[in-house]
Amino acid sequence: MPTLAPCGRVNETRSIAAHGESRVRPARADTLMLLAHGRESVAQEVAVKLITGLLASVFAVNPIAALGVASAAQADPTPRNPFDQQIVTTESRKARCIVEPGQVMCTGGFANAPRDPISPKNRCNTVWIEAAGGGLQWNASNMQSTGYAESRFDLVLTYDQVFHLKGWTVEPSSAGTRFTNDETGHGMFVRSEGVTSF
């Protein structure tokens, strides 16, 4: 099985049977040459030194490397997002938004949401604002929540931290989240109690 030597070379180790027992010996040219000339005891000493050095490097280096490999293996890589957007969620988890260069769209339960024209018993749950301005636009749709859009991949908007995303300045706080387009200055303030545009 190939192993990475401390200097970056790959060495093969082979299991060989000698006197009915199995042991591992590095396959190095100097060891094989000594065996070929009948100097097995010298070859064994060289092999023991090499194995001891190899084991020392494994204990010194591999626990750290193993932690890094284990962490990388456990972390789910974010799937590629085919769109120019950033999906975010507020720290309170009450609103989830898509930030794109031309608009910001948020889904959540907003007190000032109008009734759904198709199903008047329900309120709209998605609001968006265009970067160019205009009023708030509403509909009763849900965001995609599979693949790259799974909520576990969302950027969490930590309170009192300013984010610059896709041409928008995002300022989350416990009172709500302000999205301001950097070019136009238009945007919206999102909170459960209501959404307003500016």
N, C-alpha and C. Protein backbone atom coordinates (compact mmCIF):
# COMPACT_ATOMS: atom_id res chain seq x y z
N MET A 1 0.86 -1.18 0.00
CA MET A 1 0.00 0.00 0.00
C MET A 1 0.90 1.23 0.00
N PRO A 2 0.67 2.20 -0.91
CA PRO A 2 1.53 3.37 -0.95
C PRO A 2 1.36 4.22 0.30
N THR A 3 2.48 4.74 0.82
CA THR A 3 2.43 5.66 1.95
C THR A 3 3.28 6.87 1.59
N LEU A 4 2.92 8.01 2.09
CA LEU A 4 3.66 9.23 1.81
C LEU A 4 4.81 9.35 2.79
N ALA A 5 6.01 9.38 2.25
CA ALA A 5 7.19 9.52 3.09
C ALA A 5 7.30 10.97 3.53
N PRO A 6 7.99 11.23 4.66
CA PRO A 6 8.10 12.60 5.15
C PRO A 6 8.66 13.58 4.13
N CYS A 7 9.50 13.14 3.20
CA CYS A 7 10.09 14.06 2.23
C CYS A 7 9.18 14.23 1.01
N GLY A 8 8.04 13.60 0.99
CA GLY A 8 7.11 13.76 -0.10
C GLY A 8 7.20 12.67 -1.15
N ARG A 9 8.13 11.71 -1.00
CA ARG A 9 8.21 10.61 -1.96
C ARG A 9 7.23 9.54 -1.55
N VAL A 10 6.82 8.74 -2.52
CA VAL A 10 5.94 7.63 -2.22
C VAL A 10 6.77 6.37 -2.12
N ASN A 11 6.63 5.66 -1.01
CA ASN A 11 7.30 4.37 -0.82
C ASN A 11 6.25 3.29 -0.80
N GLU A 12 6.59 2.14 -1.34
CA GLU A 12 5.69 1.01 -1.21
C GLU A 12 6.18 0.15 -0.07
N THR A 13 5.26 -0.41 0.68
CA THR A 13 5.65 -1.38 1.70
C THR A 13 5.09 -2.72 1.27
N ARG A 14 5.87 -3.76 1.52
CA ARG A 14 5.43 -5.09 1.14
C ARG A 14 5.50 -6.00 2.35
N SER A 15 4.54 -6.88 2.48
CA SER A 15 4.55 -7.85 3.56
C SER A 15 5.34 -9.06 3.06
N ILE A 16 6.34 -9.48 3.83
CA ILE A 16 7.13 -10.63 3.41
C ILE A 16 7.10 -11.65 4.54
N ALA A 17 7.15 -12.91 4.17
CA ALA A 17 7.14 -13.98 5.17
C ALA A 17 8.56 -14.44 5.42
N ALA A 18 8.93 -14.49 6.68
CA ALA A 18 10.26 -14.98 7.04
C ALA A 18 10.12 -15.79 8.31
N HIS A 19 10.53 -17.02 8.25
CA HIS A 19 10.46 -17.92 9.40
C HIS A 19 9.03 -18.03 9.93
N GLY A 20 8.07 -18.07 9.05
CA GLY A 20 6.69 -18.30 9.46
C GLY A 20 5.98 -17.07 10.00
N GLU A 21 6.63 -15.91 10.07
CA GLU A 21 5.95 -14.73 10.57
C GLU A 21 5.89 -13.67 9.47
N SER A 22 4.92 -12.85 9.56
CA SER A 22 4.74 -11.81 8.55
C SER A 22 5.19 -10.48 9.13
N ARG A 23 5.97 -9.76 8.40
CA ARG A 23 6.38 -8.43 8.84
C ARG A 23 6.40 -7.50 7.63
N VAL A 24 6.41 -6.20 7.91
CA VAL A 24 6.39 -5.21 6.86
C VAL A 24 7.78 -4.62 6.70
N ARG A 25 8.22 -4.52 5.46
CA ARG A 25 9.54 -3.98 5.19
C ARG A 25 9.42 -2.99 4.03
N PRO A 26 9.96 -1.80 4.18
CA PRO A 26 9.92 -0.85 3.07
C PRO A 26 10.66 -1.40 1.86
N ALA A 27 10.12 -1.20 0.68
CA ALA A 27 10.76 -1.65 -0.54
C ALA A 27 11.68 -0.55 -1.03
N ARG A 28 12.87 -0.51 -0.52
CA ARG A 28 13.86 0.49 -0.92
C ARG A 28 14.98 -0.22 -1.67
N ALA A 29 15.60 0.46 -2.57
CA ALA A 29 16.64 -0.14 -3.41
C ALA A 29 17.80 -0.67 -2.58
N ASP A 30 18.25 0.10 -1.54
CA ASP A 30 19.38 -0.35 -0.75
C ASP A 30 19.06 -1.61 0.04
N THR A 31 17.84 -1.72 0.53
CA THR A 31 17.42 -2.92 1.28
C THR A 31 17.36 -4.12 0.35
N LEU A 32 16.79 -3.94 -0.83
CA LEU A 32 16.68 -5.05 -1.78
C LEU A 32 18.06 -5.50 -2.26
N MET A 33 18.99 -4.55 -2.44
CA MET A 33 20.34 -4.90 -2.88
C MET A 33 21.05 -5.70 -1.81
N LEU A 34 20.91 -5.31 -0.53
CA LEU A 34 21.54 -6.06 0.56
C LEU A 34 20.98 -7.47 0.64
N LEU A 35 19.68 -7.62 0.43
CA LEU A 35 19.08 -8.95 0.44
C LEU A 35 19.64 -9.80 -0.70
N ALA A 36 19.84 -9.18 -1.84
CA ALA A 36 20.34 -9.91 -3.00
C ALA A 36 21.75 -10.42 -2.75
N HIS A 37 22.55 -9.73 -1.97
CA HIS A 37 23.93 -10.13 -1.69
C HIS A 37 24.03 -11.01 -0.44
N GLY A 38 22.91 -11.46 0.12
CA GLY A 38 22.94 -12.37 1.24
C GLY A 38 23.19 -11.73 2.58
N ARG A 39 23.02 -10.43 2.69
CA ARG A 39 23.26 -9.75 3.96
C ARG A 39 21.92 -9.42 4.62
N GLU A 40 21.16 -10.44 4.91
CA GLU A 40 19.81 -10.23 5.43
C GLU A 40 19.82 -9.55 6.78
N SER A 41 20.78 -9.84 7.66
CA SER A 41 20.79 -9.22 8.99
C SER A 41 21.00 -7.71 8.88
N VAL A 42 21.87 -7.27 7.98
CA VAL A 42 22.08 -5.84 7.77
C VAL A 42 20.82 -5.23 7.16
N ALA A 43 20.23 -5.96 6.25
CA ALA A 43 18.99 -5.49 5.61
C ALA A 43 17.88 -5.35 6.65
N GLN A 44 17.83 -6.29 7.59
CA GLN A 44 16.81 -6.20 8.64
C GLN A 44 17.04 -4.97 9.50
N GLU A 45 18.29 -4.68 9.83
CA GLU A 45 18.59 -3.49 10.64
C GLU A 45 18.17 -2.22 9.90
N VAL A 46 18.48 -2.17 8.62
CA VAL A 46 18.08 -1.01 7.82
C VAL A 46 16.57 -0.89 7.78
N ALA A 47 15.90 -2.03 7.61
CA ALA A 47 14.43 -2.03 7.55
C ALA A 47 13.84 -1.59 8.88
N VAL A 48 14.38 -2.06 9.99
CA VAL A 48 13.87 -1.67 11.31
C VAL A 48 14.05 -0.17 11.52
N LYS A 49 15.20 0.38 11.14
CA LYS A 49 15.42 1.82 11.27
C LYS A 49 14.44 2.60 10.42
N LEU A 50 14.23 2.13 9.20
CA LEU A 50 13.30 2.81 8.31
C LEU A 50 11.86 2.75 8.85
N ILE A 51 11.46 1.59 9.32
CA ILE A 51 10.11 1.44 9.86
C ILE A 51 9.95 2.28 11.11
N THR A 52 10.95 2.28 11.98
CA THR A 52 10.88 3.09 13.19
C THR A 52 10.75 4.57 12.84
N GLY A 53 11.54 5.02 11.89
CA GLY A 53 11.43 6.41 11.44
C GLY A 53 10.07 6.71 10.82
N LEU A 54 9.58 5.76 10.04
CA LEU A 54 8.27 5.93 9.41
C LEU A 54 7.16 5.99 10.46
N LEU A 55 7.21 5.10 11.42
CA LEU A 55 6.20 5.10 12.49
C LEU A 55 6.27 6.39 13.30
N ALA A 56 7.47 6.87 13.58
CA ALA A 56 7.60 8.12 14.32
C ALA A 56 6.96 9.27 13.55
N SER A 57 7.17 9.29 12.24
CA SER A 57 6.56 10.38 11.46
C SER A 57 5.05 10.21 11.39
N VAL A 58 4.56 8.98 11.38
CA VAL A 58 3.11 8.74 11.36
C VAL A 58 2.48 9.29 12.63
N PHE A 59 3.09 8.99 13.78
CA PHE A 59 2.52 9.47 15.04
C PHE A 59 2.65 10.97 15.19
N ALA A 60 3.70 11.55 14.63
CA ALA A 60 3.90 12.99 14.76
C ALA A 60 3.05 13.78 13.77
N VAL A 61 2.92 13.28 12.55
CA VAL A 61 2.26 14.04 11.49
C VAL A 61 0.82 13.59 11.27
N ASN A 62 0.58 12.32 11.19
CA ASN A 62 -0.74 11.83 10.77
C ASN A 62 -1.89 12.17 11.70
N PRO A 63 -1.72 12.24 13.04
CA PRO A 63 -2.89 12.64 13.83
C PRO A 63 -3.42 14.00 13.43
N ILE A 64 -2.51 14.93 13.14
CA ILE A 64 -2.95 16.25 12.71
C ILE A 64 -3.56 16.16 11.32
N ALA A 65 -2.90 15.45 10.42
CA ALA A 65 -3.43 15.28 9.07
C ALA A 65 -4.75 14.53 9.11
N ALA A 66 -4.84 13.51 9.97
CA ALA A 66 -6.08 12.75 10.06
C ALA A 66 -7.23 13.62 10.52
N LEU A 67 -6.97 14.54 11.45
CA LEU A 67 -8.02 15.45 11.89
C LEU A 67 -8.50 16.32 10.74
N GLY A 68 -7.56 16.82 9.95
CA GLY A 68 -7.92 17.66 8.81
C GLY A 68 -8.71 16.88 7.78
N VAL A 69 -8.29 15.64 7.50
CA VAL A 69 -9.01 14.81 6.53
C VAL A 69 -10.39 14.47 7.06
N ALA A 70 -10.50 14.13 8.34
CA ALA A 70 -11.80 13.80 8.92
C ALA A 70 -12.73 15.00 8.88
N SER A 71 -12.20 16.20 9.19
CA SER A 71 -13.04 17.39 9.15
C SER A 71 -13.53 17.66 7.75
N ALA A 72 -12.63 17.54 6.77
CA ALA A 72 -13.00 17.80 5.39
C ALA A 72 -14.01 16.76 4.91
N ALA A 73 -13.85 15.51 5.34
CA ALA A 73 -14.77 14.47 4.91
C ALA A 73 -16.15 14.66 5.52
N GLN A 74 -16.21 15.19 6.74
CA GLN A 74 -17.49 15.37 7.40
C GLN A 74 -18.22 16.61 6.92
N ALA A 75 -17.49 17.60 6.47
CA ALA A 75 -18.12 18.84 6.03
C ALA A 75 -18.74 18.62 4.65
N ASP A 76 -19.98 19.00 4.52
CA ASP A 76 -20.64 18.90 3.22
C ASP A 76 -20.26 20.11 2.40
N PRO A 77 -19.65 19.89 1.25
CA PRO A 77 -19.33 21.05 0.43
C PRO A 77 -20.61 21.66 -0.13
N THR A 78 -20.63 22.98 -0.21
CA THR A 78 -21.79 23.66 -0.76
C THR A 78 -21.87 23.37 -2.25
N PRO A 79 -23.01 22.86 -2.71
CA PRO A 79 -23.16 22.63 -4.14
C PRO A 79 -23.04 23.94 -4.91
N ARG A 80 -22.60 23.87 -6.14
CA ARG A 80 -22.43 25.05 -6.98
C ARG A 80 -23.78 25.71 -7.22
N ASN A 81 -23.85 27.01 -6.99
CA ASN A 81 -25.05 27.80 -7.25
C ASN A 81 -24.93 28.32 -8.69
N PRO A 82 -25.85 27.93 -9.58
CA PRO A 82 -25.72 28.33 -10.98
C PRO A 82 -26.13 29.78 -11.24
N PHE A 83 -26.58 30.49 -10.22
CA PHE A 83 -27.06 31.86 -10.39
C PHE A 83 -26.15 32.84 -9.65
N ASP A 84 -26.21 34.10 -10.04
CA ASP A 84 -25.42 35.14 -9.37
C ASP A 84 -26.23 35.63 -8.17
N GLN A 85 -26.21 34.85 -7.10
CA GLN A 85 -27.01 35.17 -5.93
C GLN A 85 -26.37 34.62 -4.66
N GLN A 86 -26.80 35.16 -3.54
CA GLN A 86 -26.38 34.68 -2.22
C GLN A 86 -27.64 34.45 -1.41
N ILE A 87 -27.79 33.25 -0.88
CA ILE A 87 -28.96 32.95 -0.04
C ILE A 87 -28.54 33.15 1.40
N VAL A 88 -29.36 33.91 2.12
CA VAL A 88 -29.05 34.27 3.51
C VAL A 88 -30.26 33.98 4.39
N THR A 89 -30.00 33.89 5.68
CA THR A 89 -31.08 33.78 6.65
C THR A 89 -30.74 34.69 7.82
N THR A 90 -31.77 35.24 8.43
CA THR A 90 -31.54 36.12 9.58
C THR A 90 -31.13 35.29 10.78
N GLU A 91 -30.48 35.92 11.72
CA GLU A 91 -30.03 35.22 12.92
C GLU A 91 -31.21 34.61 13.67
N SER A 92 -32.36 35.27 13.64
CA SER A 92 -33.55 34.76 14.32
C SER A 92 -34.20 33.61 13.57
N ARG A 93 -33.79 33.40 12.33
CA ARG A 93 -34.35 32.37 11.43
C ARG A 93 -35.80 32.67 11.04
N LYS A 94 -36.24 33.91 11.20
CA LYS A 94 -37.62 34.27 10.84
C LYS A 94 -37.77 34.66 9.39
N ALA A 95 -36.65 35.01 8.74
CA ALA A 95 -36.71 35.37 7.32
C ALA A 95 -35.53 34.74 6.59
N ARG A 96 -35.79 34.33 5.37
CA ARG A 96 -34.77 33.76 4.49
C ARG A 96 -34.82 34.56 3.20
N CYS A 97 -33.66 35.00 2.70
CA CYS A 97 -33.64 35.92 1.57
C CYS A 97 -32.66 35.46 0.49
N ILE A 98 -32.95 35.91 -0.73
CA ILE A 98 -32.04 35.72 -1.86
C ILE A 98 -31.59 37.11 -2.28
N VAL A 99 -30.27 37.32 -2.26
CA VAL A 99 -29.70 38.60 -2.65
C VAL A 99 -29.09 38.41 -4.04
N GLU A 100 -29.58 39.20 -5.00
CA GLU A 100 -29.08 39.19 -6.37
C GLU A 100 -28.69 40.61 -6.74
N PRO A 101 -27.88 40.81 -7.76
CA PRO A 101 -27.51 42.18 -8.13
C PRO A 101 -28.71 43.09 -8.40
N GLY A 102 -29.77 42.58 -8.98
CA GLY A 102 -30.91 43.42 -9.35
C GLY A 102 -32.07 43.45 -8.37
N GLN A 103 -32.05 42.58 -7.35
CA GLN A 103 -33.17 42.53 -6.41
C GLN A 103 -32.82 41.75 -5.16
N VAL A 104 -33.64 41.95 -4.13
CA VAL A 104 -33.58 41.14 -2.91
C VAL A 104 -34.98 40.61 -2.68
N MET A 105 -35.08 39.32 -2.39
CA MET A 105 -36.37 38.68 -2.15
C MET A 105 -36.30 37.93 -0.82
N CYS A 106 -37.31 38.13 0.04
CA CYS A 106 -37.32 37.47 1.35
C CYS A 106 -38.63 36.72 1.55
N THR A 107 -38.54 35.58 2.22
CA THR A 107 -39.69 34.77 2.58
C THR A 107 -39.76 34.70 4.09
N GLY A 108 -40.97 34.82 4.62
CA GLY A 108 -41.18 34.73 6.05
C GLY A 108 -42.62 35.08 6.38
N GLY A 109 -42.91 35.23 7.64
CA GLY A 109 -44.23 35.65 8.08
C GLY A 109 -44.19 37.13 8.43
N PHE A 110 -44.76 37.97 7.55
CA PHE A 110 -44.70 39.41 7.73
C PHE A 110 -46.10 39.95 8.03
N ALA A 111 -46.23 40.72 9.10
CA ALA A 111 -47.54 41.21 9.57
C ALA A 111 -48.25 42.09 8.54
N ASN A 112 -47.52 42.81 7.72
CA ASN A 112 -48.16 43.70 6.75
C ASN A 112 -48.31 43.07 5.36
N ALA A 113 -48.13 41.77 5.26
CA ALA A 113 -48.26 41.09 3.97
C ALA A 113 -49.71 41.12 3.51
N PRO A 114 -49.94 41.42 2.23
CA PRO A 114 -51.31 41.42 1.71
C PRO A 114 -51.86 40.00 1.58
N ARG A 115 -53.14 39.89 1.40
CA ARG A 115 -53.77 38.59 1.18
C ARG A 115 -53.37 38.05 -0.19
N ASP A 116 -53.27 36.74 -0.28
CA ASP A 116 -52.96 36.09 -1.54
C ASP A 116 -54.19 36.20 -2.45
N PRO A 117 -54.06 36.79 -3.64
CA PRO A 117 -55.23 36.95 -4.50
C PRO A 117 -55.82 35.61 -4.98
N ILE A 118 -55.01 34.58 -5.04
CA ILE A 118 -55.51 33.27 -5.48
C ILE A 118 -56.18 32.53 -4.33
N SER A 119 -55.67 32.68 -3.14
CA SER A 119 -56.22 32.02 -1.96
C SER A 119 -56.35 33.06 -0.85
N PRO A 120 -57.45 33.86 -0.86
CA PRO A 120 -57.59 34.99 0.06
C PRO A 120 -57.52 34.65 1.55
N LYS A 121 -57.67 33.38 1.91
CA LYS A 121 -57.55 33.01 3.32
C LYS A 121 -56.10 33.13 3.80
N ASN A 122 -55.16 33.07 2.85
CA ASN A 122 -53.74 33.10 3.19
C ASN A 122 -53.11 34.44 2.84
N ARG A 123 -52.06 34.76 3.56
CA ARG A 123 -51.29 35.97 3.27
C ARG A 123 -50.10 35.59 2.38
N CYS A 124 -49.65 36.56 1.62
CA CYS A 124 -48.42 36.37 0.85
C CYS A 124 -47.26 36.20 1.83
N ASN A 125 -46.30 35.40 1.46
CA ASN A 125 -45.17 35.16 2.36
C ASN A 125 -43.83 35.53 1.74
N THR A 126 -43.82 36.04 0.52
CA THR A 126 -42.58 36.43 -0.14
C THR A 126 -42.69 37.88 -0.60
N VAL A 127 -41.67 38.66 -0.29
CA VAL A 127 -41.62 40.07 -0.67
C VAL A 127 -40.29 40.34 -1.34
N TRP A 128 -40.29 41.24 -2.32
CA TRP A 128 -39.03 41.64 -2.93
C TRP A 128 -39.06 43.08 -3.37
N ILE A 129 -37.86 43.59 -3.55
CA ILE A 129 -37.66 44.97 -4.00
C ILE A 129 -36.61 44.94 -5.11
N GLU A 130 -36.86 45.73 -6.14
CA GLU A 130 -35.91 45.85 -7.24
C GLU A 130 -34.85 46.90 -6.86
N ALA A 131 -33.63 46.72 -7.36
CA ALA A 131 -32.56 47.67 -7.08
C ALA A 131 -32.90 49.06 -7.61
N ALA A 132 -33.62 49.12 -8.70
CA ALA A 132 -33.96 50.39 -9.32
C ALA A 132 -35.01 51.16 -8.52
N GLY A 133 -35.64 50.52 -7.58
CA GLY A 133 -36.65 51.19 -6.75
C GLY A 133 -38.03 50.64 -7.01
N GLY A 134 -39.02 51.48 -6.80
CA GLY A 134 -40.39 51.02 -6.92
C GLY A 134 -40.85 50.49 -5.58
N GLY A 135 -42.06 50.06 -5.54
CA GLY A 135 -42.60 49.57 -4.27
C GLY A 135 -42.27 48.12 -4.02
N LEU A 136 -42.75 47.65 -2.90
CA LEU A 136 -42.59 46.25 -2.55
C LEU A 136 -43.48 45.41 -3.46
N GLN A 137 -43.01 44.25 -3.82
CA GLN A 137 -43.79 43.32 -4.61
C GLN A 137 -43.97 42.06 -3.76
N TRP A 138 -45.17 41.49 -3.82
CA TRP A 138 -45.51 40.36 -2.95
C TRP A 138 -46.02 39.19 -3.78
N ASN A 139 -45.80 37.98 -3.29
CA ASN A 139 -46.47 36.80 -3.82
C ASN A 139 -46.47 35.70 -2.77
N ALA A 140 -47.21 34.66 -3.07
CA ALA A 140 -47.33 33.54 -2.13
C ALA A 140 -46.56 32.35 -2.70
N SER A 141 -45.26 32.44 -2.66
CA SER A 141 -44.44 31.34 -3.17
C SER A 141 -43.38 31.01 -2.14
N ASN A 142 -42.81 29.86 -2.31
CA ASN A 142 -41.74 29.43 -1.42
C ASN A 142 -40.44 29.37 -2.19
N MET A 143 -39.35 29.60 -1.51
CA MET A 143 -38.04 29.50 -2.14
C MET A 143 -37.68 28.04 -2.35
N GLN A 144 -36.85 27.81 -3.35
CA GLN A 144 -36.30 26.48 -3.56
C GLN A 144 -35.52 26.08 -2.31
N SER A 145 -35.62 24.82 -1.92
CA SER A 145 -34.90 24.40 -0.72
C SER A 145 -34.17 23.08 -0.93
N THR A 146 -33.71 22.84 -2.14
CA THR A 146 -32.94 21.64 -2.43
C THR A 146 -31.62 22.04 -3.08
N GLY A 147 -30.68 21.12 -3.08
CA GLY A 147 -29.38 21.37 -3.71
C GLY A 147 -28.67 22.56 -3.08
N TYR A 148 -28.19 23.48 -3.93
CA TYR A 148 -27.44 24.63 -3.44
C TYR A 148 -28.31 25.52 -2.55
N ALA A 149 -29.64 25.41 -2.65
CA ALA A 149 -30.54 26.29 -1.90
C ALA A 149 -31.00 25.68 -0.57
N GLU A 150 -30.43 24.56 -0.15
CA GLU A 150 -30.79 24.02 1.16
C GLU A 150 -30.41 25.03 2.23
N SER A 151 -31.27 25.18 3.22
CA SER A 151 -31.03 26.20 4.25
C SER A 151 -29.73 25.97 5.02
N ARG A 152 -29.23 24.76 5.06
CA ARG A 152 -27.98 24.50 5.80
C ARG A 152 -26.79 25.18 5.15
N PHE A 153 -26.92 25.61 3.89
CA PHE A 153 -25.85 26.32 3.20
C PHE A 153 -26.01 27.83 3.25
N ASP A 154 -27.08 28.32 3.88
CA ASP A 154 -27.33 29.77 3.96
C ASP A 154 -26.23 30.49 4.74
N LEU A 155 -25.97 31.70 4.32
CA LEU A 155 -25.12 32.60 5.10
C LEU A 155 -26.01 33.19 6.18
N VAL A 156 -25.63 33.00 7.44
CA VAL A 156 -26.42 33.54 8.55
C VAL A 156 -26.01 34.99 8.79
N LEU A 157 -26.99 35.88 8.76
CA LEU A 157 -26.74 37.30 8.97
C LEU A 157 -26.66 37.58 10.47
N THR A 158 -25.46 37.68 10.96
CA THR A 158 -25.22 37.91 12.39
C THR A 158 -25.55 39.37 12.72
N TYR A 159 -26.30 39.55 13.82
CA TYR A 159 -26.69 40.89 14.24
C TYR A 159 -25.49 41.82 14.40
N ASP A 160 -25.72 43.07 14.04
CA ASP A 160 -24.74 44.14 14.20
C ASP A 160 -23.44 43.92 13.42
N GLN A 161 -23.51 43.14 12.36
CA GLN A 161 -22.39 42.96 11.46
C GLN A 161 -22.86 43.42 10.08
N VAL A 162 -22.04 44.15 9.36
CA VAL A 162 -22.42 44.64 8.03
C VAL A 162 -21.89 43.68 6.97
N PHE A 163 -22.76 43.33 6.02
CA PHE A 163 -22.40 42.44 4.93
C PHE A 163 -22.51 43.20 3.60
N HIS A 164 -21.62 42.91 2.68
CA HIS A 164 -21.67 43.49 1.34
C HIS A 164 -21.84 42.32 0.37
N LEU A 165 -23.05 42.18 -0.17
CA LEU A 165 -23.38 41.03 -1.00
C LEU A 165 -24.01 41.46 -2.32
N LYS A 166 -23.42 41.07 -3.41
CA LYS A 166 -24.00 41.25 -4.75
C LYS A 166 -24.44 42.68 -5.02
N GLY A 167 -23.70 43.65 -4.53
CA GLY A 167 -24.04 45.05 -4.77
C GLY A 167 -25.03 45.63 -3.77
N TRP A 168 -25.26 44.94 -2.66
CA TRP A 168 -26.16 45.39 -1.60
C TRP A 168 -25.39 45.46 -0.29
N THR A 169 -25.72 46.44 0.53
CA THR A 169 -25.21 46.49 1.90
C THR A 169 -26.32 45.95 2.78
N VAL A 170 -25.99 44.94 3.56
CA VAL A 170 -26.98 44.27 4.41
C VAL A 170 -26.60 44.51 5.86
N GLU A 171 -27.56 45.08 6.62
CA GLU A 171 -27.31 45.42 8.01
C GLU A 171 -28.36 44.75 8.90
N PRO A 172 -28.03 43.57 9.43
CA PRO A 172 -28.97 42.87 10.32
C PRO A 172 -28.86 43.37 11.75
N SER A 173 -29.99 43.41 12.43
CA SER A 173 -30.02 43.74 13.85
C SER A 173 -31.20 43.02 14.47
N SER A 174 -31.32 43.07 15.78
CA SER A 174 -32.45 42.40 16.45
C SER A 174 -33.78 43.08 16.09
N ALA A 175 -33.72 44.32 15.60
CA ALA A 175 -34.94 45.04 15.20
C ALA A 175 -35.40 44.68 13.80
N GLY A 176 -34.50 44.15 12.96
CA GLY A 176 -34.82 43.81 11.58
C GLY A 176 -33.56 43.87 10.73
N THR A 177 -33.74 43.64 9.42
CA THR A 177 -32.61 43.62 8.51
C THR A 177 -32.83 44.63 7.38
N ARG A 178 -31.85 45.50 7.18
CA ARG A 178 -31.92 46.53 6.14
C ARG A 178 -31.07 46.09 4.95
N PHE A 179 -31.69 46.11 3.76
CA PHE A 179 -31.02 45.81 2.51
C PHE A 179 -30.99 47.11 1.70
N THR A 180 -29.79 47.64 1.40
CA THR A 180 -29.64 48.88 0.65
C THR A 180 -28.80 48.63 -0.59
N ASN A 181 -29.34 48.96 -1.77
CA ASN A 181 -28.58 48.80 -3.00
C ASN A 181 -27.47 49.86 -3.03
N ASP A 182 -26.25 49.42 -3.28
CA ASP A 182 -25.10 50.32 -3.24
C ASP A 182 -25.14 51.40 -4.32
N GLU A 183 -25.71 51.10 -5.48
CA GLU A 183 -25.76 52.08 -6.58
C GLU A 183 -26.90 53.07 -6.43
N THR A 184 -28.09 52.56 -6.12
CA THR A 184 -29.28 53.42 -6.15
C THR A 184 -29.69 53.95 -4.79
N GLY A 185 -29.29 53.28 -3.72
CA GLY A 185 -29.72 53.69 -2.39
C GLY A 185 -31.10 53.19 -2.04
N HIS A 186 -31.79 52.53 -2.99
CA HIS A 186 -33.11 51.97 -2.71
C HIS A 186 -32.95 50.65 -1.96
N GLY A 187 -34.01 50.26 -1.28
CA GLY A 187 -33.97 48.99 -0.57
C GLY A 187 -35.20 48.74 0.27
N MET A 188 -35.07 47.85 1.22
CA MET A 188 -36.18 47.53 2.12
C MET A 188 -35.65 47.15 3.49
N PHE A 189 -36.53 47.34 4.47
CA PHE A 189 -36.24 46.97 5.85
C PHE A 189 -37.20 45.83 6.18
N VAL A 190 -36.65 44.66 6.52
CA VAL A 190 -37.44 43.44 6.71
C VAL A 190 -37.47 43.07 8.19
N ARG A 191 -38.69 42.85 8.70
CA ARG A 191 -38.87 42.34 10.06
C ARG A 191 -40.24 41.68 10.13
N SER A 192 -40.45 40.85 11.11
CA SER A 192 -41.72 40.13 11.24
C SER A 192 -42.90 41.07 11.36
N GLU A 193 -42.71 42.20 12.04
CA GLU A 193 -43.79 43.17 12.27
C GLU A 193 -44.20 43.89 10.99
N GLY A 194 -43.38 43.80 9.94
CA GLY A 194 -43.72 44.43 8.68
C GLY A 194 -42.49 44.74 7.85
N VAL A 195 -42.70 44.89 6.55
CA VAL A 195 -41.62 45.19 5.62
C VAL A 195 -41.91 46.57 5.03
N THR A 196 -40.89 47.42 4.98
CA THR A 196 -41.04 48.75 4.39
C THR A 196 -39.96 48.95 3.33
N SER A 197 -40.28 49.77 2.34
CA SER A 197 -39.30 50.08 1.29
C SER A 197 -38.81 51.51 1.49
N PHE A 198 -37.67 51.83 0.91
CA PHE A 198 -37.15 53.20 0.96
C PHE A 198 -36.40 53.49 -0.33
